Protein backbone atom coordinates (compact mmCIF):
# COMPACT_ATOMS: atom_id res chain seq x y z
CA UNK A 1 -14.84 -9.65 -1.53
CA UNK A 2 -12.08 -10.49 -4.05
CA UNK A 3 -11.53 -6.93 -5.21
CA UNK A 4 -10.59 -5.77 -1.71
CA UNK A 5 -7.22 -7.51 -1.73
CA UNK A 6 -6.05 -5.39 -4.63
CA UNK A 7 -6.67 -2.13 -2.79
CA UNK A 8 -3.40 -2.15 -0.83
CA UNK A 9 -1.60 -2.03 -4.16
CA UNK A 10 -3.38 1.01 -5.50
CA UNK A 11 -0.93 3.85 -6.18
CA UNK A 12 -2.99 6.52 -4.51
CA UNK A 13 -3.00 4.60 -1.21
CA UNK A 14 0.78 4.43 -1.24
CA UNK A 15 0.97 8.08 -2.24
CA UNK A 16 -1.10 9.07 0.78
CA UNK A 17 1.17 6.97 2.99
CA UNK A 18 4.22 8.71 1.55
CA UNK A 19 2.79 12.12 2.35
CA UNK A 20 1.97 10.92 5.86
CA UNK A 21 5.65 10.08 6.37
CA UNK A 22 6.28 13.84 6.53
CA UNK A 23 2.98 14.66 8.25
CA UNK A 24 4.71 16.41 11.15
CA UNK A 25 6.42 18.87 8.85
CA UNK A 26 3.84 19.27 6.11
CA UNK A 27 0.16 20.07 6.25
CA UNK A 28 -0.48 17.99 3.13
CA UNK A 29 -2.36 14.77 2.30
CA UNK A 30 -2.11 12.87 -0.96
CA UNK A 31 -5.15 11.34 -2.62
CA UNK A 32 -6.02 7.66 -2.56
CA UNK A 33 -8.33 5.28 -4.39
CA UNK A 34 -11.67 4.54 -2.67
CA UNK A 35 -13.78 1.40 -2.30
CA UNK A 36 -17.41 0.70 -2.05
CA UNK A 37 -19.46 -2.05 -0.57
CA UNK A 38 -22.66 -2.10 1.54
CA UNK A 39 -24.83 -2.92 4.26
CA UNK A 40 -26.57 -4.82 7.27
CA UNK A 41 -26.50 -4.21 11.05
CA UNK A 42 -25.15 -6.26 13.99
CA UNK A 43 -26.26 -7.08 17.52
CA UNK A 44 -25.79 -5.57 20.99
CA UNK A 45 -23.19 -6.94 23.43
CA UNK A 46 -21.97 -5.88 26.86
CA UNK A 47 -18.71 -4.01 27.31
CA UNK A 48 -16.01 -6.14 28.93
CA UNK A 49 -15.57 -4.71 32.40
CA UNK A 50 -11.87 -5.54 32.43
CA UNK A 51 -11.09 -2.87 29.86
CA UNK A 52 -13.63 -0.20 30.77
CA UNK A 53 -12.26 3.13 31.98
CA UNK A 54 -12.80 3.69 35.69
CA UNK A 55 -14.60 7.00 35.21
CA UNK A 56 -18.20 7.39 34.19
CA UNK A 57 -19.15 8.64 30.75
CA UNK A 58 -18.02 12.18 30.00
CA UNK A 59 -20.34 14.67 28.33
CA UNK A 60 -19.24 16.41 25.15
CA UNK A 61 -17.28 19.62 25.64
CA UNK A 62 -19.72 22.50 25.10
CA UNK A 63 -16.93 25.09 25.22
CA UNK A 64 -15.53 24.04 21.83
CA UNK A 65 -16.94 24.99 18.43
CA UNK A 66 -19.45 22.43 17.20
CA UNK A 67 -17.04 21.20 14.51
CA UNK A 68 -13.30 21.60 14.97
CA UNK A 69 -10.02 20.18 13.64
CA UNK A 70 -8.63 17.39 15.82
CA UNK A 71 -5.61 16.72 13.59
CA UNK A 72 -4.36 17.31 10.06
CA UNK A 73 -6.32 14.19 9.13
CA UNK A 74 -9.55 14.57 11.10
CA UNK A 75 -12.38 16.91 12.04
CA UNK A 76 -14.81 16.12 14.84
CA UNK A 77 -18.23 17.59 15.60
CA UNK A 78 -19.77 17.49 19.08
CA UNK A 79 -23.18 18.70 20.20
CA UNK A 80 -25.33 18.36 23.31
CA UNK A 81 -28.96 19.12 24.03
CA UNK A 82 -32.03 17.71 22.32
CA UNK A 83 -30.29 15.68 19.58
CA UNK A 84 -32.47 14.04 16.90
CA UNK A 85 -30.72 11.94 14.28
CA UNK A 86 -32.27 10.96 10.94
CA UNK A 87 -29.97 8.36 9.41
CA UNK A 88 -31.43 8.04 5.91
CA UNK A 89 -30.81 11.72 5.23
CA UNK A 90 -27.51 11.90 7.18
CA UNK A 91 -28.95 14.76 9.24
CA UNK A 92 -28.69 15.57 12.94
CA UNK A 93 -31.02 18.21 14.43
CA UNK A 94 -29.82 19.86 17.66
CA UNK A 95 -31.91 22.40 19.56
CA UNK A 96 -28.85 24.31 20.81
CA UNK A 97 -27.33 25.01 17.38
CA UNK A 98 -27.49 28.43 15.78
CA UNK A 99 -26.14 27.46 12.34
CA UNK A 100 -25.61 24.43 10.13
CA UNK A 101 -22.37 22.41 10.12
CA UNK A 102 -21.23 19.73 7.64
CA UNK A 103 -18.58 17.02 7.91
CA UNK A 104 -17.51 13.65 6.54
CA UNK A 105 -16.72 11.30 9.47
CA UNK A 106 -13.55 9.63 8.17
CA UNK A 107 -9.91 10.29 9.05
CA UNK A 108 -8.54 11.42 5.69
CA UNK A 109 -10.16 14.80 5.37
CA UNK A 110 -7.88 16.10 2.59
CA UNK A 111 -8.11 12.91 0.54
CA UNK A 112 -10.78 13.61 -2.05
CA UNK A 113 -10.76 10.10 -3.49
CA UNK A 114 -11.28 8.48 -0.11
CA UNK A 115 -13.96 10.99 0.85
CA UNK A 116 -15.87 10.41 -2.38
CA UNK A 117 -16.99 7.17 -0.72
CA UNK A 118 -17.81 8.78 2.61
CA UNK A 119 -21.27 10.32 3.01
CA UNK A 120 -21.50 13.92 4.20
CA UNK A 121 -23.40 14.56 7.45
CA UNK A 122 -25.19 17.77 8.45
CA UNK A 123 -25.79 19.12 11.94
CA UNK A 124 -28.68 21.60 11.85
CA UNK A 125 -30.68 23.78 14.24
CA UNK A 126 -34.26 22.74 14.83
CA UNK A 127 -36.51 23.99 12.00
CA UNK A 128 -38.61 26.99 12.94
CA UNK A 129 -42.31 26.56 13.62
CA UNK A 130 -44.29 24.37 15.97
CA UNK A 131 -43.78 20.65 15.49
CA UNK A 132 -41.28 21.14 12.71
CA UNK A 133 -38.56 19.01 14.30
CA UNK A 134 -38.89 15.29 13.52
CA UNK A 135 -40.51 13.36 16.35
CA UNK A 136 -38.42 10.81 18.23
CA UNK A 137 -39.19 7.16 17.54
CA UNK A 138 -36.22 5.84 19.56
CA UNK A 139 -34.64 7.30 22.72
CA UNK A 140 -31.29 6.55 24.30
CA UNK A 141 -29.29 7.94 27.21
CA UNK A 142 -26.00 7.11 25.45
CA UNK A 143 -23.91 9.45 23.32
CA UNK A 144 -24.42 8.92 19.59
CA UNK A 145 -21.13 8.42 17.72
CA UNK A 146 -21.26 8.62 13.91
CA UNK A 147 -18.36 7.07 11.98
CA UNK A 148 -17.94 5.87 8.41
CA UNK A 149 -16.59 2.61 7.06
CA UNK A 150 -16.30 4.00 3.56
CA UNK A 151 -12.94 5.27 2.36
CA UNK A 152 -10.27 2.56 2.26
CA UNK A 153 -11.83 0.01 4.60
CA UNK A 154 -11.13 -3.57 3.63
CA UNK A 155 -7.38 -3.00 3.76
CA UNK A 156 -6.24 -3.93 7.30
CA UNK A 157 -3.76 -1.08 7.56
CA UNK A 158 -6.51 1.46 6.83
CA UNK A 159 -9.06 -0.42 8.94
CA UNK A 160 -6.92 0.23 12.00
CA UNK A 161 -5.30 3.56 11.06
CA UNK A 162 -8.38 5.31 9.66
CA UNK A 163 -11.24 3.78 11.67
CA UNK A 164 -10.59 1.43 14.60
CA UNK A 165 -7.85 3.25 16.49
CA UNK A 166 -9.44 6.71 15.96
CA UNK A 167 -12.78 5.28 17.14
CA UNK A 168 -11.07 3.95 20.27
CA UNK A 169 -9.39 7.31 20.94
CA UNK A 170 -12.75 9.09 20.74
CA UNK A 171 -15.04 6.54 22.41
CA UNK A 172 -12.90 5.55 25.38
CA UNK A 173 -13.92 8.52 27.55
CA UNK A 174 -17.59 7.48 27.39
CA UNK A 175 -16.97 4.23 29.32
CA UNK A 176 -19.23 2.18 27.06
CA UNK A 177 -22.09 4.69 27.16
CA UNK A 178 -21.77 5.39 23.45
CA UNK A 179 -23.65 3.97 20.47
CA UNK A 180 -21.87 3.53 17.15
CA UNK A 181 -23.94 4.71 14.20
CA UNK A 182 -22.03 3.50 11.16
CA UNK A 183 -22.42 5.21 7.80
CA UNK A 184 -21.44 3.41 4.55
CA UNK A 185 -21.92 0.22 6.56
CA UNK A 186 -20.49 -3.05 5.20
CA UNK A 187 -21.78 -6.22 6.84
CA UNK A 188 -18.70 -8.28 5.94
CA UNK A 189 -16.44 -5.60 7.44
CA UNK A 190 -18.40 -5.31 10.66
CA UNK A 191 -18.43 -9.11 11.01
CA UNK A 192 -14.65 -9.02 10.94
CA UNK A 193 -14.36 -6.41 13.72
CA UNK A 194 -17.60 -6.65 15.72
CA UNK A 195 -15.73 -7.92 18.81
CA UNK A 196 -13.80 -4.65 18.94
CA UNK A 197 -16.96 -2.53 18.82
CA UNK A 198 -18.49 -4.70 21.55
CA UNK A 199 -15.56 -3.76 23.78
CA UNK A 200 -16.04 -0.04 23.18
CA UNK A 201 -19.84 0.11 23.52
CA UNK A 202 -22.65 -1.50 25.46
CA UNK A 203 -25.07 -0.83 22.61
CA UNK A 204 -26.02 -2.30 19.28
CA UNK A 205 -24.06 -1.09 16.26
CA UNK A 206 -26.49 0.55 13.82
CA UNK A 207 -26.35 0.63 10.01
CA UNK A 208 -27.42 4.24 10.16
CA UNK A 209 -27.82 4.98 6.42
CA UNK A 210 -30.50 2.26 6.20
CA UNK A 211 -32.18 3.20 9.49
CA UNK A 212 -35.81 4.37 9.48
CA UNK A 213 -35.87 5.65 13.07
CA UNK A 214 -35.60 9.19 14.37
CA UNK A 215 -33.02 8.44 17.06
CA UNK A 216 -32.85 10.85 19.98
CA UNK A 217 -29.86 11.31 22.30
CA UNK A 218 -28.60 13.83 24.87
CA UNK A 219 -25.37 14.31 22.90
CA UNK A 220 -23.64 13.31 19.67
CA UNK A 221 -20.12 13.03 18.26
CA UNK A 222 -19.61 12.93 14.50
CA UNK A 223 -16.20 11.81 13.25
CA UNK A 224 -13.37 10.07 15.12
CA UNK A 225 -10.02 11.65 16.03
CA UNK A 226 -6.80 10.65 14.27
CA UNK A 227 -3.39 10.91 15.97
CA UNK A 228 -0.86 8.97 13.86
CA UNK A 229 -0.37 5.82 11.78
CA UNK A 230 -1.36 2.77 13.86
CA UNK A 231 -0.91 4.81 17.01
CA UNK A 232 -2.22 6.94 19.86
CA UNK A 233 -0.69 10.08 21.35
CA UNK A 234 -1.58 9.92 25.08
CA UNK A 235 -0.94 13.65 25.48
CA UNK A 236 -3.75 14.36 23.01
CA UNK A 237 -6.19 11.65 24.10
CA UNK A 238 -9.11 12.95 26.22
CA UNK A 239 -8.61 10.22 28.83
CA UNK A 240 -4.84 9.81 28.42
CA UNK A 241 -5.08 6.41 26.77
CA UNK A 242 -2.24 4.93 24.74
CA UNK A 243 -1.86 2.31 22.04
CA UNK A 244 -1.01 -0.10 24.87
CA UNK A 245 -4.59 0.36 26.12
CA UNK A 246 -5.87 -0.30 22.60
CA UNK A 247 -3.83 -3.51 22.42
CA UNK A 248 -5.15 -4.55 25.82
CA UNK A 249 -8.66 -4.11 24.45
CA UNK A 250 -7.77 -6.26 21.42
CA UNK A 251 -6.56 -9.05 23.70
CA UNK A 252 -9.89 -8.98 25.49
CA UNK A 253 -11.88 -8.78 22.24
CA UNK A 254 -10.20 -11.75 20.59
CA UNK A 255 -9.31 -13.82 23.66
CA UNK A 256 -5.54 -13.39 23.30
CA UNK A 257 -3.58 -14.93 26.15
CA UNK A 258 -0.16 -13.30 25.94
CA UNK A 259 0.45 -9.73 27.05
CA UNK A 260 4.24 -10.18 26.92
CA UNK A 261 6.63 -12.38 24.96
CA UNK A 262 7.77 -14.49 27.87
CA UNK A 263 8.38 -18.25 27.69
CA UNK A 264 6.38 -20.80 29.60
CA UNK A 265 7.50 -21.58 33.16
CA UNK A 266 7.47 -25.30 32.36
CA UNK A 267 10.94 -26.27 31.14
CA UNK A 268 9.49 -29.11 29.05
CA UNK A 269 6.76 -27.01 27.47
CA UNK A 270 7.25 -26.50 23.71
CA UNK A 271 6.32 -22.87 24.30
CA UNK A 272 9.75 -22.37 25.85
CA UNK A 273 10.94 -22.38 22.24
CA UNK A 274 10.44 -18.95 20.67
CA UNK A 275 7.85 -19.06 17.90
CA UNK A 276 8.46 -17.34 14.56
CA UNK A 277 5.66 -16.53 12.13
CA UNK A 278 6.31 -15.98 8.42
CA UNK A 279 3.60 -13.84 6.83
CA UNK A 280 3.00 -15.47 3.46
CA UNK A 281 1.86 -13.59 0.35
CA UNK A 282 1.37 -16.61 -1.90
CA UNK A 283 -2.19 -15.54 -2.66
CA UNK A 284 -1.33 -11.86 -3.17
CA UNK A 285 0.02 -9.93 -6.14
CA UNK A 286 3.75 -9.38 -5.82
CA UNK A 287 6.18 -9.35 -2.89
CA UNK A 288 6.01 -13.09 -2.22
CA UNK A 289 8.86 -15.06 -0.64
CA UNK A 290 10.26 -17.36 -3.35
CA UNK A 291 12.17 -19.46 -0.79
CA UNK A 292 9.58 -19.53 1.97
CA UNK A 293 10.15 -23.18 2.87
CA UNK A 294 13.93 -22.76 3.03
CA UNK A 295 13.46 -19.72 5.29
CA UNK A 296 11.30 -21.80 7.62
CA UNK A 297 13.87 -24.63 7.72
CA UNK A 298 16.67 -22.18 8.49
CA UNK A 299 14.66 -20.54 11.30
CA UNK A 300 13.88 -23.98 12.69
CA UNK A 301 17.60 -24.81 12.78
CA UNK A 302 18.11 -21.76 15.03
CA UNK A 303 15.65 -23.12 17.58
CA UNK A 304 12.47 -21.36 16.47
CA UNK A 305 9.11 -23.08 16.42
CA UNK A 306 8.11 -21.92 12.91
CA UNK A 307 4.64 -21.17 11.60
CA UNK A 308 3.57 -19.86 8.17
CA UNK A 309 0.33 -17.87 7.84
CA UNK A 310 -1.44 -16.04 5.02
CA UNK A 311 -3.77 -13.35 6.42
CA UNK A 312 -5.85 -12.94 3.26
CA UNK A 313 -9.22 -11.23 3.31
CA UNK A 314 -11.13 -14.46 3.96
CA UNK A 315 -9.15 -15.31 7.11
CA UNK A 316 -10.95 -15.56 10.45
CA UNK A 317 -9.73 -12.46 12.30
CA UNK A 318 -9.95 -14.04 15.75
CA UNK A 319 -8.12 -17.17 14.66
CA UNK A 320 -5.30 -15.28 12.95
CA UNK A 321 -5.04 -12.87 15.90
CA UNK A 322 -4.52 -15.83 18.23
CA UNK A 323 -1.81 -17.23 15.93
CA UNK A 324 0.06 -13.91 15.86
CA UNK A 325 -0.28 -13.48 19.61
CA UNK A 326 1.27 -16.91 20.16
CA UNK A 327 4.41 -15.80 18.29
CA UNK A 328 7.55 -14.05 19.47
CA UNK A 329 8.85 -12.99 16.04
CA UNK A 330 6.83 -12.02 12.96
CA UNK A 331 8.52 -11.60 9.58
CA UNK A 332 7.00 -10.47 6.31
CA UNK A 333 7.52 -8.40 3.19
CA UNK A 334 6.11 -4.88 3.40
CA UNK A 335 2.33 -4.99 2.97
CA UNK A 336 -1.01 -4.86 4.77
CA UNK A 337 -0.40 -8.24 6.41
CA UNK A 338 2.14 -6.65 8.74
CA UNK A 339 -0.72 -4.74 10.36
CA UNK A 340 -1.19 -7.93 12.39
CA UNK A 341 1.64 -6.62 14.54
CA UNK A 342 -1.15 -5.12 16.68
CA UNK A 343 -1.68 -8.66 18.07
CA UNK A 344 1.97 -9.37 18.93
CA UNK A 345 2.77 -9.52 22.66
CA UNK A 346 4.92 -6.74 24.09
CA UNK A 347 8.59 -7.57 23.73
CA UNK A 348 8.07 -9.52 20.51
CA UNK A 349 10.05 -8.69 17.35
CA UNK A 350 8.77 -7.49 13.98
CA UNK A 351 11.06 -8.11 10.99
CA UNK A 352 9.97 -6.09 7.95
CA UNK A 353 11.46 -7.17 4.63
CA UNK A 354 11.70 -4.05 2.46
CA UNK A 355 11.47 -4.74 -1.31
CA UNK A 356 14.19 -3.56 -3.67
CA UNK A 357 13.60 -0.05 -5.04
CA UNK A 358 14.45 2.53 -2.35
CA UNK A 359 11.18 2.02 -0.45
CA UNK A 360 12.59 2.61 3.03
CA UNK A 361 10.38 5.70 3.50
CA UNK A 362 7.28 3.56 3.12
CA UNK A 363 8.52 0.89 5.51
CA UNK A 364 9.45 3.47 8.12
CA UNK A 365 6.13 5.31 8.18
CA UNK A 366 3.77 2.37 8.09
CA UNK A 367 5.33 -0.16 10.47
CA UNK A 368 8.74 0.91 11.81
CA UNK A 369 7.55 4.01 13.64
CA UNK A 370 4.34 2.48 15.11
CA UNK A 371 6.26 -0.49 16.57
CA UNK A 372 7.76 1.58 19.42
CA UNK A 373 4.37 2.58 20.82
CA UNK A 374 3.32 -1.06 20.73
CA UNK A 375 6.45 -2.07 22.69
CA UNK A 376 7.48 -4.31 19.81
CA UNK A 377 11.14 -4.56 18.78
CA UNK A 378 11.73 -3.67 15.13
CA UNK A 379 14.26 -5.05 12.65
CA UNK A 380 14.51 -4.26 8.96
CA UNK A 381 15.84 -6.47 6.18
CA UNK A 382 16.37 -4.52 2.95
CA UNK A 383 16.31 -6.67 -0.20
CA UNK A 384 19.46 -6.37 -2.33
CA UNK A 385 19.81 -6.66 -6.09
CA UNK A 386 20.73 -10.36 -6.00
CA UNK A 387 17.64 -11.13 -3.91
CA UNK A 388 14.91 -9.72 -6.15
CA UNK A 389 13.21 -11.35 -9.11
CA UNK A 390 13.55 -8.00 -10.90
CA UNK A 391 17.12 -9.04 -11.72
CA UNK A 392 15.64 -11.88 -13.79
CA UNK A 393 13.23 -9.56 -15.62
CA UNK A 394 15.59 -6.75 -16.63
CA UNK A 395 19.13 -6.54 -18.07
CA UNK A 396 21.80 -5.59 -15.55
CA UNK A 397 22.21 -2.08 -16.97
CA UNK A 398 18.47 -1.23 -16.87
CA UNK A 399 17.40 1.80 -14.83
CA UNK A 400 15.04 -0.38 -12.78
CA UNK A 401 18.11 -2.09 -11.33
CA UNK A 402 20.76 0.61 -11.57
CA UNK A 403 18.83 3.69 -10.53
CA UNK A 404 15.50 3.15 -8.73
CA UNK A 405 15.15 6.89 -8.12
CA UNK A 406 14.94 7.41 -11.88
CA UNK A 407 11.84 5.17 -11.83
CA UNK A 408 10.47 7.17 -8.88
CA UNK A 409 10.73 10.32 -11.00
CA UNK A 410 8.51 8.74 -13.68
CA UNK A 411 5.58 8.88 -11.27
CA UNK A 412 3.77 6.66 -8.86
CA UNK A 413 2.27 4.27 -11.40
CA UNK A 414 5.72 3.35 -12.69
CA UNK A 415 7.11 2.89 -9.18
CA UNK A 416 4.17 0.82 -7.96
CA UNK A 417 4.00 -1.43 -11.00
CA UNK A 418 7.74 -2.07 -11.01
CA UNK A 419 8.68 -2.42 -7.37
CA UNK A 420 5.46 -3.58 -5.70
CA UNK A 421 3.38 -5.51 -8.21
CA UNK A 422 6.05 -7.25 -10.29
CA UNK A 423 8.64 -7.98 -7.64
CA UNK A 424 9.02 -11.13 -5.58
CA UNK A 425 11.93 -11.68 -3.22
CA UNK A 426 14.37 -14.44 -2.34
CA UNK A 427 16.22 -13.38 0.83
CA UNK A 428 19.76 -14.68 1.11
CA UNK A 429 19.58 -17.27 3.89
CA UNK A 430 22.98 -16.31 5.30
CA UNK A 431 22.00 -12.63 5.61
CA UNK A 432 18.57 -13.45 6.90
CA UNK A 433 20.04 -15.84 9.47
CA UNK A 434 21.94 -12.92 11.02
CA UNK A 435 18.71 -10.96 11.29
CA UNK A 436 16.91 -13.91 12.91
CA UNK A 437 19.78 -14.34 15.38
CA UNK A 438 19.54 -10.66 16.23
CA UNK A 439 15.81 -11.11 16.84
CA UNK A 440 16.54 -14.11 19.07
CA UNK A 441 18.86 -12.01 21.23
CA UNK A 442 16.04 -9.52 21.82
CA UNK A 443 13.80 -12.20 23.34
CA UNK A 444 13.80 -13.39 26.98
CA UNK A 445 14.06 -17.02 25.83
CA UNK A 446 17.40 -18.60 26.71
CA UNK A 447 19.28 -20.20 23.81
CA UNK A 448 19.62 -23.44 25.81
CA UNK A 449 15.82 -23.63 25.98
């Protein structure tokens, strides 16, 4: 899917992230550029008992309105009774309803560009007249849960922020007794994350738009609940779960061994050396490290066991997750690749390299703030004028170099093109060394080891 990689760089995505940085104060969402792709279903797997909630499945709350706002980003619809779902028409008939409700099950409800690639679903009362309701061809005792993988899916940051974490928040209370019915289904996307869905549900994931059945359930939920970027608010979660519980589920899904960044007990084990991962962007547009090898050599001289990884869209998710989980420090230029912080063990360190151009707001919202909930230490390295390739492209008195805010005022396209697409970075090894030493001090590894 070569076009997917470019999506992180689309201006409207960054604009929506910028508005989210002030989401607490402002009830406003910026628009973002959509994607499309399609189709094919996956297979049923058992829920891993180690991460199931202790309680049995919880019925939907009948005291709430059928559809209600769960956050500034998300609406959720819940219904119980005789529920009959017709996937090809995106319609759910419920015998207890008195009126029709409509929703788009994706966590960017004010983002018209994202929602243009999310199908609208209708919840309707049974039609009047004998035999007018569609007859069931498939019955289940689980709760039906309709989500969409339209919108911005394909970009890892949006995969987790808009779909996977909200799905976890909503599905956890059902203790596996929930069936995911996925609208705008993409087979390549589901292949990447199927292990996560197998942790949340005991049932087959269904490509519901292409489904010919009339599926009948005792209850249904349409649309997941959003809390915050890459995070969970336990005070708002129905079962009090946190992002730590989500990360525990990820470790089970992908077979990750390390819950915490602690060294091996064997003094002669190479794992007593802290491992540092450099997220490479050599195959991406802009924001690449120009001195990647020198950075690795310098980190090695400090005692790190250094790895370099490029989490492009063709990477094996499980394999890359295991690499990240084996590391104690992860460093990378701002971009979707830093979303892999979800796999870092607690107590590890994330070093975000912020490109030149006054982009600290973007760095803070996307990765700095979520790191605390993940129990990951956070360090920031802000690129200076003598460390950016922009200084080779423009004269020293150009506004791009002298006054980045003047470029901001020209609009998002100018900012994005200049500071994200055309800029590569060459961190000063002396400055970066200080940051790496600071990261080393945050780890439980002894310097003598």
